[in-house]
């Protein structure tokens, strides 16, 4: 999947945060805090093309049902699309 906006991932005080940079600063409403699974998805976005590939990767890494992984992935990707961060 293609990330459209300039965001830098930073680990601050145990939290993973996406920080907008460049002109993205003007387009966003601030910082984005990611939980563990969202961080895992974010880190794997550039190498995976579909939601199904992301779900499969989550299932390899975490002990979670396919339904839960698919639901969480759809929700997170939906938010990223809504904020026009990914295509």
PDB file of N, CA and C in Angstrom:
ATOM      1  N   UNK A   1       0.843  -1.176   0.000  1.00  0.00           N
ATOM      2  CA  UNK A   1       0.000   0.000   0.000  1.00  0.00           C
ATOM      3  C   UNK A   1       0.886   1.236   0.000  1.00  0.00           C
ATOM      4  N   UNK A   2       0.399   2.262  -0.620  1.00  0.00           N
ATOM      5  CA  UNK A   2       1.188   3.485  -0.735  1.00  0.00           C
ATOM      6  C   UNK A   2       0.790   4.490   0.348  1.00  0.00           C
ATOM      7  N   UNK A   3       1.793   4.973   1.074  1.00  0.00           N
ATOM      8  CA  UNK A   3       1.582   6.017   2.071  1.00  0.00           C
ATOM      9  C   UNK A   3       1.727   7.357   1.357  1.00  0.00           C
ATOM     10  N   UNK A   4       0.671   8.173   1.392  1.00  0.00           N
ATOM     11  CA  UNK A   4       0.634   9.415   0.636  1.00  0.00           C
ATOM     12  C   UNK A   4       1.191  10.615   1.384  1.00  0.00           C
ATOM     13  N   UNK A   5       1.122  10.616   2.678  1.00  0.00           N
ATOM     14  CA  UNK A   5       1.528  11.790   3.452  1.00  0.00           C
ATOM     15  C   UNK A   5       2.868  11.541   4.125  1.00  0.00           C
ATOM     16  N   UNK A   6       3.565  12.624   4.414  1.00  0.00           N
ATOM     17  CA  UNK A   6       4.846  12.537   5.074  1.00  0.00           C
ATOM     18  C   UNK A   6       4.647  12.454   6.581  1.00  0.00           C
ATOM     19  N   UNK A   7       4.919  11.271   7.103  1.00  0.00           N
ATOM     20  CA  UNK A   7       4.808  11.041   8.543  1.00  0.00           C
ATOM     21  C   UNK A   7       6.051  10.294   9.008  1.00  0.00           C
ATOM     22  N   UNK A   8       6.578  10.694  10.134  1.00  0.00           N
ATOM     23  CA  UNK A   8       7.732  10.017  10.713  1.00  0.00           C
ATOM     24  C   UNK A   8       7.268   9.301  11.969  1.00  0.00           C
ATOM     25  N   UNK A   9       7.649   8.035  12.084  1.00  0.00           N
ATOM     26  CA  UNK A   9       7.295   7.252  13.268  1.00  0.00           C
ATOM     27  C   UNK A   9       8.346   7.474  14.344  1.00  0.00           C
ATOM     28  N   UNK A  10       7.876   7.784  15.543  1.00  0.00           N
ATOM     29  CA  UNK A  10       8.754   7.993  16.680  1.00  0.00           C
ATOM     30  C   UNK A  10       8.222   7.225  17.881  1.00  0.00           C
ATOM     31  N   UNK A  11       9.145   6.671  18.671  1.00  0.00           N
ATOM     32  CA  UNK A  11       8.780   6.039  19.937  1.00  0.00           C
ATOM     33  C   UNK A  11       9.118   7.025  21.042  1.00  0.00           C
ATOM     34  N   UNK A  12       8.084   7.472  21.747  1.00  0.00           N
ATOM     35  CA  UNK A  12       8.258   8.478  22.789  1.00  0.00           C
ATOM     36  C   UNK A  12       7.590   7.977  24.064  1.00  0.00           C
ATOM     37  N   UNK A  13       8.387   7.817  25.098  1.00  0.00           N
ATOM     38  CA  UNK A  13       7.889   7.398  26.417  1.00  0.00           C
ATOM     39  C   UNK A  13       7.008   6.152  26.331  1.00  0.00           C
ATOM     40  N   UNK A  14       7.416   5.191  25.506  1.00  0.00           N
ATOM     41  CA  UNK A  14       6.685   3.938  25.391  1.00  0.00           C
ATOM     42  C   UNK A  14       5.519   3.962  24.421  1.00  0.00           C
ATOM     43  N   UNK A  15       5.235   5.103  23.818  1.00  0.00           N
ATOM     44  CA  UNK A  15       4.162   5.212  22.828  1.00  0.00           C
ATOM     45  C   UNK A  15       4.760   5.357  21.434  1.00  0.00           C
ATOM     46  N   UNK A  16       4.074   4.800  20.451  1.00  0.00           N
ATOM     47  CA  UNK A  16       4.473   4.985  19.059  1.00  0.00           C
ATOM     48  C   UNK A  16       3.604   6.078  18.477  1.00  0.00           C
ATOM     49  N   UNK A  17       4.258   7.087  17.925  1.00  0.00           N
ATOM     50  CA  UNK A  17       3.562   8.266  17.434  1.00  0.00           C
ATOM     51  C   UNK A  17       3.980   8.551  16.001  1.00  0.00           C
ATOM     52  N   UNK A  18       3.010   8.885  15.161  1.00  0.00           N
ATOM     53  CA  UNK A  18       3.293   9.354  13.817  1.00  0.00           C
ATOM     54  C   UNK A  18       3.260  10.871  13.845  1.00  0.00           C
ATOM     55  N   UNK A  19       4.356  11.463  13.415  1.00  0.00           N
ATOM     56  CA  UNK A  19       4.505  12.914  13.448  1.00  0.00           C
ATOM     57  C   UNK A  19       4.465  13.439  12.015  1.00  0.00           C
ATOM     58  N   UNK A  20       3.539  14.330  11.690  1.00  0.00           N
ATOM     59  CA  UNK A  20       3.508  14.895  10.347  1.00  0.00           C
ATOM     60  C   UNK A  20       4.708  15.817  10.123  1.00  0.00           C
ATOM     61  N   UNK A  21       5.251  15.773   8.911  1.00  0.00           N
ATOM     62  CA  UNK A  21       6.365  16.647   8.539  1.00  0.00           C
ATOM     63  C   UNK A  21       6.074  17.273   7.179  1.00  0.00           C
ATOM     64  N   UNK A  22       6.862  18.270   6.827  1.00  0.00           N
ATOM     65  CA  UNK A  22       6.673  18.933   5.542  1.00  0.00           C
ATOM     66  C   UNK A  22       5.305  19.577   5.467  1.00  0.00           C
ATOM     67  N   UNK A  23       4.719  19.588   4.278  1.00  0.00           N
ATOM     68  CA  UNK A  23       3.412  20.227   4.127  1.00  0.00           C
ATOM     69  C   UNK A  23       2.288  19.422   4.771  1.00  0.00           C
ATOM     70  N   UNK A  24       2.565  18.175   5.160  1.00  0.00           N
ATOM     71  CA  UNK A  24       1.576  17.362   5.862  1.00  0.00           C
ATOM     72  C   UNK A  24       1.193  18.009   7.198  1.00  0.00           C
ATOM     73  N   UNK A  25       2.086  18.782   7.779  1.00  0.00           N
ATOM     74  CA  UNK A  25       1.799  19.464   9.042  1.00  0.00           C
ATOM     75  C   UNK A  25       0.548  20.330   8.892  1.00  0.00           C
ATOM     76  N   UNK A  26       0.410  20.978   7.752  1.00  0.00           N
ATOM     77  CA  UNK A  26      -0.728  21.880   7.531  1.00  0.00           C
ATOM     78  C   UNK A  26      -2.025  21.119   7.243  1.00  0.00           C
ATOM     79  N   UNK A  27      -1.898  19.872   6.772  1.00  0.00           N
ATOM     80  CA  UNK A  27      -3.073  19.077   6.395  1.00  0.00           C
ATOM     81  C   UNK A  27      -3.610  18.212   7.531  1.00  0.00           C
ATOM     82  N   UNK A  28      -2.865  18.086   8.616  1.00  0.00           N
ATOM     83  CA  UNK A  28      -3.279  17.151   9.668  1.00  0.00           C
ATOM     84  C   UNK A  28      -3.722  17.904  10.918  1.00  0.00           C
ATOM     85  N   UNK A  29      -4.334  17.138  11.797  1.00  0.00           N
ATOM     86  CA  UNK A  29      -4.814  17.710  13.055  1.00  0.00           C
ATOM     87  C   UNK A  29      -3.889  17.401  14.213  1.00  0.00           C
ATOM     88  N   UNK A  30      -2.663  17.065  13.938  1.00  0.00           N
ATOM     89  CA  UNK A  30      -1.723  16.791  15.019  1.00  0.00           C
ATOM     90  C   UNK A  30      -1.056  15.446  14.882  1.00  0.00           C
ATOM     91  N   UNK A  31      -0.683  14.884  16.019  1.00  0.00           N
ATOM     92  CA  UNK A  31       0.027  13.618  16.073  1.00  0.00           C
ATOM     93  C   UNK A  31      -0.952  12.450  16.056  1.00  0.00           C
ATOM     94  N   UNK A  32      -0.451  11.284  15.652  1.00  0.00           N
ATOM     95  CA  UNK A  32      -1.258  10.069  15.632  1.00  0.00           C
ATOM     96  C   UNK A  32      -0.585   9.047  16.540  1.00  0.00           C
ATOM     97  N   UNK A  33      -1.280   8.585  17.566  1.00  0.00           N
ATOM     98  CA  UNK A  33      -0.748   7.596  18.495  1.00  0.00           C
ATOM     99  C   UNK A  33      -1.222   6.220  18.039  1.00  0.00           C
ATOM    100  N   UNK A  34      -0.277   5.278  17.923  1.00  0.00           N
ATOM    101  CA  UNK A  34      -0.588   3.931  17.445  1.00  0.00           C
ATOM    102  C   UNK A  34      -0.454   2.917  18.569  1.00  0.00           C
ATOM    103  N   UNK A  35      -1.361   1.947  18.595  1.00  0.00           N
ATOM    104  CA  UNK A  35      -1.193   0.830  19.522  1.00  0.00           C
ATOM    105  C   UNK A  35      -0.241  -0.188  18.880  1.00  0.00           C
ATOM    106  N   UNK A  36       0.006  -1.296  19.552  1.00  0.00           N
ATOM    107  CA  UNK A  36       0.983  -2.283  19.086  1.00  0.00           C
ATOM    108  C   UNK A  36       0.632  -2.845  17.707  1.00  0.00           C
ATOM    109  N   UNK A  37      -0.612  -3.220  17.514  1.00  0.00           N
ATOM    110  CA  UNK A  37      -1.012  -3.815  16.228  1.00  0.00           C
ATOM    111  C   UNK A  37      -1.009  -2.764  15.122  1.00  0.00           C
ATOM    112  N   UNK A  38      -1.459  -1.551  15.417  1.00  0.00           N
ATOM    113  CA  UNK A  38      -1.420  -0.481  14.419  1.00  0.00           C
ATOM    114  C   UNK A  38       0.020  -0.180  14.017  1.00  0.00           C
ATOM    115  N   UNK A  39       0.936  -0.214  14.972  1.00  0.00           N
ATOM    116  CA  UNK A  39       2.354  -0.021  14.666  1.00  0.00           C
ATOM    117  C   UNK A  39       2.859  -1.131  13.760  1.00  0.00           C
ATOM    118  N   UNK A  40       2.477  -2.363  14.047  1.00  0.00           N
ATOM    119  CA  UNK A  40       2.865  -3.505  13.219  1.00  0.00           C
ATOM    120  C   UNK A  40       2.337  -3.328  11.797  1.00  0.00           C
ATOM    121  N   UNK A  41       1.083  -2.940  11.671  1.00  0.00           N
ATOM    122  CA  UNK A  41       0.500  -2.711  10.343  1.00  0.00           C
ATOM    123  C   UNK A  41       1.257  -1.591   9.636  1.00  0.00           C
ATOM    124  N   UNK A  42       1.477  -0.469  10.309  1.00  0.00           N
ATOM    125  CA  UNK A  42       2.177   0.677   9.717  1.00  0.00           C
ATOM    126  C   UNK A  42       3.559   0.265   9.188  1.00  0.00           C
ATOM    127  N   UNK A  43       4.277  -0.500   9.998  1.00  0.00           N
ATOM    128  CA  UNK A  43       5.623  -0.925   9.614  1.00  0.00           C
ATOM    129  C   UNK A  43       5.615  -1.831   8.382  1.00  0.00           C
ATOM    130  N   UNK A  44       4.521  -2.565   8.181  1.00  0.00           N
ATOM    131  CA  UNK A  44       4.440  -3.502   7.066  1.00  0.00           C
ATOM    132  C   UNK A  44       3.709  -2.957   5.844  1.00  0.00           C
ATOM    133  N   UNK A  45       3.099  -1.791   5.941  1.00  0.00           N
ATOM    134  CA  UNK A  45       2.339  -1.225   4.816  1.00  0.00           C
ATOM    135  C   UNK A  45       3.114  -1.149   3.504  1.00  0.00           C
ATOM    136  N   UNK A  46       4.346  -0.663   3.511  1.00  0.00           N
ATOM    137  CA  UNK A  46       5.043  -0.503   2.230  1.00  0.00           C
ATOM    138  C   UNK A  46       5.278  -1.804   1.464  1.00  0.00           C
ATOM    139  N   UNK A  47       5.376  -2.920   2.166  1.00  0.00           N
ATOM    140  CA  UNK A  47       5.677  -4.182   1.486  1.00  0.00           C
ATOM    141  C   UNK A  47       4.434  -5.030   1.180  1.00  0.00           C
ATOM    142  N   UNK A  48       3.280  -4.632   1.680  1.00  0.00           N
ATOM    143  CA  UNK A  48       2.057  -5.402   1.472  1.00  0.00           C
ATOM    144  C   UNK A  48       1.080  -4.605   0.615  1.00  0.00           C
ATOM    145  N   UNK A  49       0.419  -5.293  -0.315  1.00  0.00           N
ATOM    146  CA  UNK A  49      -0.447  -4.610  -1.274  1.00  0.00           C
ATOM    147  C   UNK A  49      -1.927  -4.654  -0.935  1.00  0.00           C
ATOM    148  N   UNK A  50      -2.350  -5.656  -0.167  1.00  0.00           N
ATOM    149  CA  UNK A  50      -3.783  -5.807   0.078  1.00  0.00           C
ATOM    150  C   UNK A  50      -4.074  -5.974   1.572  1.00  0.00           C
ATOM    151  N   UNK A  51      -5.323  -5.742   1.905  1.00  0.00           N
ATOM    152  CA  UNK A  51      -5.760  -5.937   3.278  1.00  0.00           C
ATOM    153  C   UNK A  51      -5.603  -7.398   3.682  1.00  0.00           C
ATOM    154  N   UNK A  52      -5.845  -8.306   2.759  1.00  0.00           N
ATOM    155  CA  UNK A  52      -5.715  -9.739   3.054  1.00  0.00           C
ATOM    156  C   UNK A  52      -4.279 -10.106   3.403  1.00  0.00           C
ATOM    157  N   UNK A  53      -3.311  -9.496   2.717  1.00  0.00           N
ATOM    158  CA  UNK A  53      -1.904  -9.757   3.024  1.00  0.00           C
ATOM    159  C   UNK A  53      -1.554  -9.242   4.421  1.00  0.00           C
ATOM    160  N   UNK A  54      -2.111  -8.114   4.789  1.00  0.00           N
ATOM    161  CA  UNK A  54      -1.863  -7.561   6.122  1.00  0.00           C
ATOM    162  C   UNK A  54      -2.441  -8.485   7.185  1.00  0.00           C
ATOM    163  N   UNK A  55      -3.671  -8.956   6.975  1.00  0.00           N
ATOM    164  CA  UNK A  55      -4.301  -9.868   7.929  1.00  0.00           C
ATOM    165  C   UNK A  55      -3.462 -11.138   8.072  1.00  0.00           C
ATOM    166  N   UNK A  56      -2.987 -11.687   6.963  1.00  0.00           N
ATOM    167  CA  UNK A  56      -2.154 -12.894   7.009  1.00  0.00           C
ATOM    168  C   UNK A  56      -0.880 -12.649   7.816  1.00  0.00           C
ATOM    169  N   UNK A  57      -0.274 -11.491   7.642  1.00  0.00           N
ATOM    170  CA  UNK A  57       0.947 -11.137   8.367  1.00  0.00           C
ATOM    171  C   UNK A  57       0.658 -11.002   9.868  1.00  0.00           C
ATOM    172  N   UNK A  58      -0.489 -10.424  10.211  1.00  0.00           N
ATOM    173  CA  UNK A  58      -0.878 -10.306  11.623  1.00  0.00           C
ATOM    174  C   UNK A  58      -1.060 -11.689  12.233  1.00  0.00           C
ATOM    175  N   UNK A  59      -1.701 -12.583  11.495  1.00  0.00           N
ATOM    176  CA  UNK A  59      -1.935 -13.933  11.998  1.00  0.00           C
ATOM    177  C   UNK A  59      -0.629 -14.690  12.225  1.00  0.00           C
ATOM    178  N   UNK A  60       0.410 -14.378  11.440  1.00  0.00           N
ATOM    179  CA  UNK A  60       1.730 -14.988  11.646  1.00  0.00           C
ATOM    180  C   UNK A  60       2.383 -14.475  12.929  1.00  0.00           C
ATOM    181  N   UNK A  61       2.116 -13.227  13.269  1.00  0.00           N
ATOM    182  CA  UNK A  61       2.807 -12.560  14.376  1.00  0.00           C
ATOM    183  C   UNK A  61       2.074 -12.661  15.717  1.00  0.00           C
ATOM    184  N   UNK A  62       0.738 -12.643  15.680  1.00  0.00           N
ATOM    185  CA  UNK A  62      -0.062 -12.573  16.904  1.00  0.00           C
ATOM    186  C   UNK A  62      -1.014 -13.754  17.009  1.00  0.00           C
ATOM    187  N   UNK A  63      -1.336 -14.109  18.237  1.00  0.00           N
ATOM    188  CA  UNK A  63      -2.338 -15.145  18.482  1.00  0.00           C
ATOM    189  C   UNK A  63      -3.696 -14.468  18.564  1.00  0.00           C
ATOM    190  N   UNK A  64      -4.373 -14.395  17.433  1.00  0.00           N
ATOM    191  CA  UNK A  64      -5.660 -13.714  17.326  1.00  0.00           C
ATOM    192  C   UNK A  64      -6.461 -14.432  16.244  1.00  0.00           C
ATOM    193  N   UNK A  65      -7.773 -14.364  16.350  1.00  0.00           N
ATOM    194  CA  UNK A  65      -8.613 -15.007  15.338  1.00  0.00           C
ATOM    195  C   UNK A  65      -8.558 -14.224  14.025  1.00  0.00           C
ATOM    196  N   UNK A  66      -8.842 -14.898  12.951  1.00  0.00           N
ATOM    197  CA  UNK A  66      -8.866 -14.242  11.642  1.00  0.00           C
ATOM    198  C   UNK A  66      -9.913 -13.129  11.623  1.00  0.00           C
ATOM    199  N   UNK A  67     -11.053 -13.378  12.255  1.00  0.00           N
ATOM    200  CA  UNK A  67     -12.122 -12.380  12.284  1.00  0.00           C
ATOM    201  C   UNK A  67     -11.673 -11.104  13.000  1.00  0.00           C
ATOM    202  N   UNK A  68     -11.008 -11.277  14.141  1.00  0.00           N
ATOM    203  CA  UNK A  68     -10.522 -10.125  14.907  1.00  0.00           C
ATOM    204  C   UNK A  68      -9.449  -9.362  14.134  1.00  0.00           C
ATOM    205  N   UNK A  69      -8.520 -10.098  13.522  1.00  0.00           N
ATOM    206  CA  UNK A  69      -7.464  -9.457  12.733  1.00  0.00           C
ATOM    207  C   UNK A  69      -8.055  -8.696  11.550  1.00  0.00           C
ATOM    208  N   UNK A  70      -9.027  -9.296  10.873  1.00  0.00           N
ATOM    209  CA  UNK A  70      -9.651  -8.646   9.718  1.00  0.00           C
ATOM    210  C   UNK A  70     -10.420  -7.395  10.143  1.00  0.00           C
ATOM    211  N   UNK A  71     -11.132  -7.487  11.253  1.00  0.00           N
ATOM    212  CA  UNK A  71     -11.911  -6.342  11.755  1.00  0.00           C
ATOM    213  C   UNK A  71     -10.992  -5.187  12.142  1.00  0.00           C
ATOM    214  N   UNK A  72      -9.952  -5.483  12.913  1.00  0.00           N
ATOM    215  CA  UNK A  72      -9.025  -4.435  13.350  1.00  0.00           C
ATOM    216  C   UNK A  72      -8.277  -3.816  12.171  1.00  0.00           C
ATOM    217  N   UNK A  73      -7.880  -4.652  11.221  1.00  0.00           N
ATOM    218  CA  UNK A  73      -7.175  -4.145  10.042  1.00  0.00           C
ATOM    219  C   UNK A  73      -8.074  -3.243   9.227  1.00  0.00           C
ATOM    220  N   UNK A  74      -9.301  -3.660   8.993  1.00  0.00           N
ATOM    221  CA  UNK A  74     -10.247  -2.850   8.215  1.00  0.00           C
ATOM    222  C   UNK A  74     -10.491  -1.506   8.899  1.00  0.00           C
ATOM    223  N   UNK A  75     -10.626  -1.524  10.212  1.00  0.00           N
ATOM    224  CA  UNK A  75     -10.871  -0.287  10.966  1.00  0.00           C
ATOM    225  C   UNK A  75      -9.677   0.668  10.849  1.00  0.00           C
ATOM    226  N   UNK A  76      -8.468   0.150  11.045  1.00  0.00           N
ATOM    227  CA  UNK A  76      -7.279   0.996  10.992  1.00  0.00           C
ATOM    228  C   UNK A  76      -7.055   1.542   9.575  1.00  0.00           C
ATOM    229  N   UNK A  77      -7.153   0.672   8.566  1.00  0.00           N
ATOM    230  CA  UNK A  77      -6.968   1.131   7.188  1.00  0.00           C
ATOM    231  C   UNK A  77      -8.049   2.127   6.798  1.00  0.00           C
ATOM    232  N   UNK A  78      -9.263   1.918   7.281  1.00  0.00           N
ATOM    233  CA  UNK A  78     -10.346   2.858   7.018  1.00  0.00           C
ATOM    234  C   UNK A  78     -10.037   4.244   7.563  1.00  0.00           C
ATOM    235  N   UNK A  79      -9.473   4.296   8.776  1.00  0.00           N
ATOM    236  CA  UNK A  79      -9.094   5.582   9.365  1.00  0.00           C
ATOM    237  C   UNK A  79      -7.980   6.241   8.561  1.00  0.00           C
ATOM    238  N   UNK A  80      -6.999   5.449   8.124  1.00  0.00           N
ATOM    239  CA  UNK A  80      -5.910   6.000   7.323  1.00  0.00           C
ATOM    240  C   UNK A  80      -6.427   6.549   5.993  1.00  0.00           C
ATOM    241  N   UNK A  81      -7.370   5.830   5.390  1.00  0.00           N
ATOM    242  CA  UNK A  81      -7.957   6.316   4.129  1.00  0.00           C
ATOM    243  C   UNK A  81      -8.785   7.578   4.358  1.00  0.00           C
ATOM    244  N   UNK A  82      -9.539   7.587   5.429  1.00  0.00           N
ATOM    245  CA  UNK A  82     -10.376   8.745   5.773  1.00  0.00           C
ATOM    246  C   UNK A  82      -9.514  10.001   5.955  1.00  0.00           C
ATOM    247  N   UNK A  83      -8.336   9.827   6.541  1.00  0.00           N
ATOM    248  CA  UNK A  83      -7.423  10.947   6.749  1.00  0.00           C
ATOM    249  C   UNK A  83      -6.526  11.176   5.528  1.00  0.00           C
ATOM    250  N   UNK A  84      -6.779  10.414   4.468  1.00  0.00           N
ATOM    251  CA  UNK A  84      -6.037  10.502   3.208  1.00  0.00           C
ATOM    252  C   UNK A  84      -4.550  10.292   3.405  1.00  0.00           C
ATOM    253  N   UNK A  85      -4.211   9.338   4.273  1.00  0.00           N
ATOM    254  CA  UNK A  85      -2.806   8.986   4.525  1.00  0.00           C
ATOM    255  C   UNK A  85      -2.352   7.889   3.571  1.00  0.00           C
ATOM    256  N   UNK A  86      -3.278   6.990   3.201  1.00  0.00           N
ATOM    257  CA  UNK A  86      -2.954   5.923   2.244  1.00  0.00           C
ATOM    258  C   UNK A  86      -3.959   5.947   1.099  1.00  0.00           C
ATOM    259  N   UNK A  87      -3.557   5.298   0.011  1.00  0.00           N
ATOM    260  CA  UNK A  87      -4.476   5.098  -1.135  1.00  0.00           C
ATOM    261  C   UNK A  87      -5.310   3.878  -0.887  1.00  0.00           C
TER     262      UNK A  87
END
